[in-house]
Amino acid sequence: MPTANDQSILPVQAQQIQWPEKYLPANAQVFVHNEITIAAPPETVWTWLIRAESWPEWYSNAHHIHFISTSGPNLRDRSRIRWNTFGVRITSKVLEFQPYERLGWDEHGIGVTGYHAWLLTSLPNGGTHVVSEEAQNGWLAKLGNTLMPRRKESMHQLWLEGLRARAEAGLPTL
């Protein structure tokens, strides 16, 4: 477990996720938090994170990603995508887009609404600390959490581990 004296892994600055009022975690039926340290700079991690069209290559729970309002392969501010995750067809809109620092999108599907946020913090050793948090509401979100309480957290950890593997291998090819 890291200690406050281990400067090589502590974030340079403490940032916080900017939650839209209607998706505050305190009011959510489902909330998950995951984090990971990646031995790559935020610019590289960001490049992989916003490359939505490639998510299915390294995150097995993302399928059929289609850009609605812009062209891919990368998310941009206010981009809208339609995609499948956790067996549900979701429409998402990027609501927060701060390059190399924060990314957040809402999500709307049958029986579920929510917000997924990513926070990237530069580390003194040149790496990146990544936090992924998601708050959801709706009958399907609640049912899924009741029947498989750790599934969302487990899958999001796989997403982070896939992100780490890609980022630590370098930048994607054009």
C-alpha atoms as a PDB file:
ATOM      1  CA  MET A   1       0.000   0.000   0.000  1.00  0.00           C
ATOM      2  CA  PRO A   2       1.451   3.399  -0.948  1.00  0.00           C
ATOM      3  CA  THR A   3       2.378   5.778   1.818  1.00  0.00           C
ATOM      4  CA  ALA A   4       2.433   9.562   1.851  1.00  0.00           C
ATOM      5  CA  ASN A   5       6.242   9.409   1.801  1.00  0.00           C
ATOM      6  CA  ASP A   6       6.395   7.520  -1.501  1.00  0.00           C
ATOM      7  CA  GLN A   7       6.537  10.524  -3.839  1.00  0.00           C
ATOM      8  CA  SER A   8       6.962   8.383  -6.964  1.00  0.00           C
ATOM      9  CA  ILE A   9       3.336   7.277  -6.959  1.00  0.00           C
ATOM     10  CA  LEU A  10       1.447  10.176  -5.437  1.00  0.00           C
ATOM     11  CA  PRO A  11      -0.598  12.390  -7.764  1.00  0.00           C
ATOM     12  CA  VAL A  12       0.918  15.797  -8.448  1.00  0.00           C
ATOM     13  CA  GLN A  13      -2.377  17.466  -7.638  1.00  0.00           C
ATOM     14  CA  ALA A  14      -5.633  16.206  -6.239  1.00  0.00           C
ATOM     15  CA  GLN A  15      -8.424  16.702  -8.778  1.00  0.00           C
ATOM     16  CA  GLN A  16     -12.033  15.817  -8.414  1.00  0.00           C
ATOM     17  CA  ILE A  17     -14.649  14.546 -10.794  1.00  0.00           C
ATOM     18  CA  GLN A  18     -17.148  17.220 -11.775  1.00  0.00           C
ATOM     19  CA  TRP A  19     -20.469  15.396 -11.350  1.00  0.00           C
ATOM     20  CA  PRO A  20     -23.590  16.750 -13.055  1.00  0.00           C
ATOM     21  CA  GLU A  21     -26.143  17.421 -10.323  1.00  0.00           C
ATOM     22  CA  LYS A  22     -28.542  14.677 -11.421  1.00  0.00           C
ATOM     23  CA  TYR A  23     -25.792  12.036 -11.301  1.00  0.00           C
ATOM     24  CA  LEU A  24     -24.252  12.751  -7.911  1.00  0.00           C
ATOM     25  CA  PRO A  25     -22.932   9.470  -6.460  1.00  0.00           C
ATOM     26  CA  ALA A  26     -24.689  10.076  -3.140  1.00  0.00           C
ATOM     27  CA  ASN A  27     -28.033   9.863  -4.952  1.00  0.00           C
ATOM     28  CA  ALA A  28     -27.188   6.954  -7.267  1.00  0.00           C
ATOM     29  CA  GLN A  29     -28.691   3.489  -7.046  1.00  0.00           C
ATOM     30  CA  VAL A  30     -25.397   2.069  -8.332  1.00  0.00           C
ATOM     31  CA  PHE A  31     -21.928   3.546  -7.885  1.00  0.00           C
ATOM     32  CA  VAL A  32     -18.560   2.035  -8.773  1.00  0.00           C
ATOM     33  CA  HIS A  33     -15.040   3.318  -8.247  1.00  0.00           C
ATOM     34  CA  ASN A  34     -11.909   1.867  -9.813  1.00  0.00           C
ATOM     35  CA  GLU A  35      -8.382   3.160 -10.115  1.00  0.00           C
ATOM     36  CA  ILE A  36      -5.024   2.150 -11.489  1.00  0.00           C
ATOM     37  CA  THR A  37      -1.508   3.500 -11.933  1.00  0.00           C
ATOM     38  CA  ILE A  38      -0.123   3.430 -15.459  1.00  0.00           C
ATOM     39  CA  ALA A  39       3.571   3.759 -16.345  1.00  0.00           C
ATOM     40  CA  ALA A  40       2.866   6.153 -19.215  1.00  0.00           C
ATOM     41  CA  PRO A  41       2.290   9.912 -19.378  1.00  0.00           C
ATOM     42  CA  PRO A  42      -1.256  11.335 -19.313  1.00  0.00           C
ATOM     43  CA  GLU A  43      -1.000  12.293 -22.998  1.00  0.00           C
ATOM     44  CA  THR A  44      -0.555   8.645 -23.991  1.00  0.00           C
ATOM     45  CA  VAL A  45      -3.245   7.367 -21.625  1.00  0.00           C
ATOM     46  CA  TRP A  46      -5.649  10.053 -22.897  1.00  0.00           C
ATOM     47  CA  THR A  47      -4.993   9.135 -26.525  1.00  0.00           C
ATOM     48  CA  TRP A  48      -6.067   5.543 -25.871  1.00  0.00           C
ATOM     49  CA  LEU A  49      -8.990   6.516 -23.629  1.00  0.00           C
ATOM     50  CA  ILE A  50     -10.642   8.797 -26.189  1.00  0.00           C
ATOM     51  CA  ARG A  51     -10.105   6.321 -29.067  1.00  0.00           C
ATOM     52  CA  ALA A  52     -13.595   4.867 -28.558  1.00  0.00           C
ATOM     53  CA  GLU A  53     -13.661   2.897 -31.794  1.00  0.00           C
ATOM     54  CA  SER A  54     -10.764   0.761 -30.504  1.00  0.00           C
ATOM     55  CA  TRP A  55     -12.279  -0.039 -27.072  1.00  0.00           C
ATOM     56  CA  PRO A  56     -13.614  -3.434 -28.237  1.00  0.00           C
ATOM     57  CA  GLU A  57     -10.037  -4.472 -29.097  1.00  0.00           C
ATOM     58  CA  TRP A  58      -8.951  -4.199 -25.459  1.00  0.00           C
ATOM     59  CA  TYR A  59     -12.156  -4.039 -23.408  1.00  0.00           C
ATOM     60  CA  SER A  60     -14.382  -7.072 -23.950  1.00  0.00           C
ATOM     61  CA  ASN A  61     -17.484  -5.323 -22.600  1.00  0.00           C
ATOM     62  CA  ALA A  62     -17.634  -2.625 -25.310  1.00  0.00           C
ATOM     63  CA  HIS A  63     -19.301  -3.527 -28.609  1.00  0.00           C
ATOM     64  CA  HIS A  64     -20.745  -1.927 -31.750  1.00  0.00           C
ATOM     65  CA  ILE A  65     -19.489   1.618 -31.168  1.00  0.00           C
ATOM     66  CA  HIS A  66     -20.966   4.096 -33.624  1.00  0.00           C
ATOM     67  CA  PHE A  67     -20.401   7.850 -33.629  1.00  0.00           C
ATOM     68  CA  ILE A  68     -23.653   9.774 -34.023  1.00  0.00           C
ATOM     69  CA  SER A  69     -22.742  13.466 -33.998  1.00  0.00           C
ATOM     70  CA  THR A  70     -19.117  13.412 -35.131  1.00  0.00           C
ATOM     71  CA  SER A  71     -16.851  11.022 -36.953  1.00  0.00           C
ATOM     72  CA  GLY A  72     -14.527   8.667 -35.081  1.00  0.00           C
ATOM     73  CA  PRO A  73     -12.290   7.168 -34.045  1.00  0.00           C
ATOM     74  CA  ASN A  74     -11.823   9.633 -31.161  1.00  0.00           C
ATOM     75  CA  LEU A  75     -14.253  11.140 -28.703  1.00  0.00           C
ATOM     76  CA  ARG A  76     -14.419  14.938 -28.681  1.00  0.00           C
ATOM     77  CA  ASP A  77     -16.244  17.501 -26.614  1.00  0.00           C
ATOM     78  CA  ARG A  78     -19.987  16.885 -27.066  1.00  0.00           C
ATOM     79  CA  SER A  79     -19.433  13.740 -29.163  1.00  0.00           C
ATOM     80  CA  ARG A  80     -22.365  11.359 -29.124  1.00  0.00           C
ATOM     81  CA  ILE A  81     -21.928   7.621 -29.510  1.00  0.00           C
ATOM     82  CA  ARG A  82     -24.216   4.625 -29.507  1.00  0.00           C
ATOM     83  CA  TRP A  83     -22.696   1.420 -28.161  1.00  0.00           C
ATOM     84  CA  ASN A  84     -23.366  -1.812 -26.312  1.00  0.00           C
ATOM     85  CA  THR A  85     -22.064  -2.480 -22.828  1.00  0.00           C
ATOM     86  CA  PHE A  86     -23.278  -4.891 -20.154  1.00  0.00           C
ATOM     87  CA  GLY A  87     -25.723  -6.243 -22.747  1.00  0.00           C
ATOM     88  CA  VAL A  88     -27.529  -2.905 -23.091  1.00  0.00           C
ATOM     89  CA  ARG A  89     -27.624  -0.515 -26.051  1.00  0.00           C
ATOM     90  CA  ILE A  90     -26.482   2.838 -24.684  1.00  0.00           C
ATOM     91  CA  THR A  91     -26.381   6.345 -26.099  1.00  0.00           C
ATOM     92  CA  SER A  92     -23.717   8.553 -24.541  1.00  0.00           C
ATOM     93  CA  LYS A  93     -22.752  12.193 -24.903  1.00  0.00           C
ATOM     94  CA  VAL A  94     -19.396  13.578 -23.800  1.00  0.00           C
ATOM     95  CA  LEU A  95     -20.163  16.286 -21.232  1.00  0.00           C
ATOM     96  CA  GLU A  96     -16.671  16.895 -19.896  1.00  0.00           C
ATOM     97  CA  PHE A  97     -13.590  16.939 -22.079  1.00  0.00           C
ATOM     98  CA  GLN A  98     -10.424  18.328 -20.520  1.00  0.00           C
ATOM     99  CA  PRO A  99      -7.516  16.830 -22.478  1.00  0.00           C
ATOM    100  CA  TYR A 100      -5.093  14.758 -20.393  1.00  0.00           C
ATOM    101  CA  GLU A 101      -7.150  15.366 -17.214  1.00  0.00           C
ATOM    102  CA  ARG A 102     -10.889  14.627 -17.295  1.00  0.00           C
ATOM    103  CA  LEU A 103     -13.413  12.882 -19.477  1.00  0.00           C
ATOM    104  CA  GLY A 104     -17.052  12.272 -18.666  1.00  0.00           C
ATOM    105  CA  TRP A 105     -20.141  11.132 -20.538  1.00  0.00           C
ATOM    106  CA  ASP A 106     -23.745  10.470 -19.722  1.00  0.00           C
ATOM    107  CA  GLU A 107     -25.455   7.253 -20.663  1.00  0.00           C
ATOM    108  CA  HIS A 108     -29.034   6.462 -21.541  1.00  0.00           C
ATOM    109  CA  GLY A 109     -30.494   3.057 -22.281  1.00  0.00           C
ATOM    110  CA  ILE A 110     -33.586   1.038 -21.499  1.00  0.00           C
ATOM    111  CA  GLY A 111     -33.805   0.918 -17.713  1.00  0.00           C
ATOM    112  CA  VAL A 112     -30.588   2.832 -17.074  1.00  0.00           C
ATOM    113  CA  THR A 113     -29.250   6.377 -16.971  1.00  0.00           C
ATOM    114  CA  GLY A 114     -25.904   7.383 -15.592  1.00  0.00           C
ATOM    115  CA  TYR A 115     -22.616   9.193 -15.821  1.00  0.00           C
ATOM    116  CA  HIS A 116     -19.144   7.707 -16.313  1.00  0.00           C
ATOM    117  CA  ALA A 117     -16.165   9.878 -15.411  1.00  0.00           C
ATOM    118  CA  TRP A 118     -12.434   9.436 -15.862  1.00  0.00           C
ATOM    119  CA  LEU A 119      -9.807  11.401 -13.981  1.00  0.00           C
ATOM    120  CA  LEU A 120      -6.156  11.348 -15.075  1.00  0.00           C
ATOM    121  CA  THR A 121      -3.511  12.720 -12.740  1.00  0.00           C
ATOM    122  CA  SER A 122       0.129  13.111 -13.661  1.00  0.00           C
ATOM    123  CA  LEU A 123       2.586  11.436 -11.307  1.00  0.00           C
ATOM    124  CA  PRO A 124       6.075  12.731 -10.458  1.00  0.00           C
ATOM    125  CA  ASN A 125       7.607   9.587 -11.969  1.00  0.00           C
ATOM    126  CA  GLY A 126       6.087  10.335 -15.381  1.00  0.00           C
ATOM    127  CA  GLY A 127       3.189   7.926 -14.963  1.00  0.00           C
ATOM    128  CA  THR A 128      -0.528   8.512 -14.635  1.00  0.00           C
ATOM    129  CA  HIS A 129      -3.007   7.722 -11.892  1.00  0.00           C
ATOM    130  CA  VAL A 130      -6.421   6.956 -13.438  1.00  0.00           C
ATOM    131  CA  VAL A 131      -9.727   6.985 -11.588  1.00  0.00           C
ATOM    132  CA  SER A 132     -12.880   5.643 -13.212  1.00  0.00           C
ATOM    133  CA  GLU A 133     -16.203   6.269 -11.492  1.00  0.00           C
ATOM    134  CA  GLU A 134     -19.740   5.603 -12.591  1.00  0.00           C
ATOM    135  CA  ALA A 135     -23.088   6.472 -11.044  1.00  0.00           C
ATOM    136  CA  GLN A 136     -26.282   4.905 -12.389  1.00  0.00           C
ATOM    137  CA  ASN A 137     -30.008   4.933 -11.788  1.00  0.00           C
ATOM    138  CA  GLY A 138     -32.869   2.951 -13.235  1.00  0.00           C
ATOM    139  CA  TRP A 139     -34.584  -0.370 -12.762  1.00  0.00           C
ATOM    140  CA  LEU A 140     -32.123  -2.285 -14.950  1.00  0.00           C
ATOM    141  CA  ALA A 141     -29.091  -0.770 -13.225  1.00  0.00           C
ATOM    142  CA  LYS A 142     -30.515  -1.717  -9.837  1.00  0.00           C
ATOM    143  CA  LEU A 143     -31.484  -5.228 -10.975  1.00  0.00           C
ATOM    144  CA  GLY A 144     -28.039  -5.874 -12.472  1.00  0.00           C
ATOM    145  CA  ASN A 145     -26.362  -4.691  -9.293  1.00  0.00           C
ATOM    146  CA  THR A 146     -28.629  -6.890  -7.149  1.00  0.00           C
ATOM    147  CA  LEU A 147     -28.066 -10.035  -9.219  1.00  0.00           C
ATOM    148  CA  MET A 148     -24.334  -9.479  -9.864  1.00  0.00           C
ATOM    149  CA  PRO A 149     -23.127  -6.966  -7.274  1.00  0.00           C
ATOM    150  CA  ARG A 150     -19.430  -6.970  -8.250  1.00  0.00           C
ATOM    151  CA  ARG A 151     -19.785  -7.360 -12.016  1.00  0.00           C
ATOM    152  CA  LYS A 152     -19.615  -3.682 -12.970  1.00  0.00           C
ATOM    153  CA  GLU A 153     -16.625  -3.079 -10.712  1.00  0.00           C
ATOM    154  CA  SER A 154     -14.848  -6.171 -12.117  1.00  0.00           C
ATOM    155  CA  MET A 155     -15.498  -5.195 -15.724  1.00  0.00           C
ATOM    156  CA  HIS A 156     -14.368  -1.620 -15.166  1.00  0.00           C
ATOM    157  CA  GLN A 157     -11.156  -2.945 -13.633  1.00  0.00           C
ATOM    158  CA  LEU A 158     -10.606  -4.966 -16.810  1.00  0.00           C
ATOM    159  CA  TRP A 159     -11.166  -1.754 -18.793  1.00  0.00           C
ATOM    160  CA  LEU A 160      -8.481  -0.014 -16.736  1.00  0.00           C
ATOM    161  CA  GLU A 161      -6.097  -2.939 -17.113  1.00  0.00           C
ATOM    162  CA  GLY A 162      -6.615  -2.936 -20.878  1.00  0.00           C
ATOM    163  CA  LEU A 163      -5.996   0.821 -20.923  1.00  0.00           C
ATOM    164  CA  ARG A 164      -2.801   0.285 -18.961  1.00  0.00           C
ATOM    165  CA  ALA A 165      -1.550  -2.420 -21.334  1.00  0.00           C
ATOM    166  CA  ARG A 166      -2.209  -0.233 -24.388  1.00  0.00           C
ATOM    167  CA  ALA A 167      -0.751   2.960 -22.903  1.00  0.00           C
ATOM    168  CA  GLU A 168       2.354   1.257 -21.570  1.00  0.00           C
ATOM    169  CA  ALA A 169       2.991  -0.149 -25.090  1.00  0.00           C
ATOM    170  CA  GLY A 170       3.000   3.379 -26.552  1.00  0.00           C
ATOM    171  CA  LEU A 171       0.796   5.534 -28.718  1.00  0.00           C
ATOM    172  CA  PRO A 172      -1.691   4.023 -31.164  1.00  0.00           C
ATOM    173  CA  THR A 173      -0.912   4.057 -34.860  1.00  0.00           C
ATOM    174  CA  LEU A 174      -2.895   6.408 -37.029  1.00  0.00           C
END
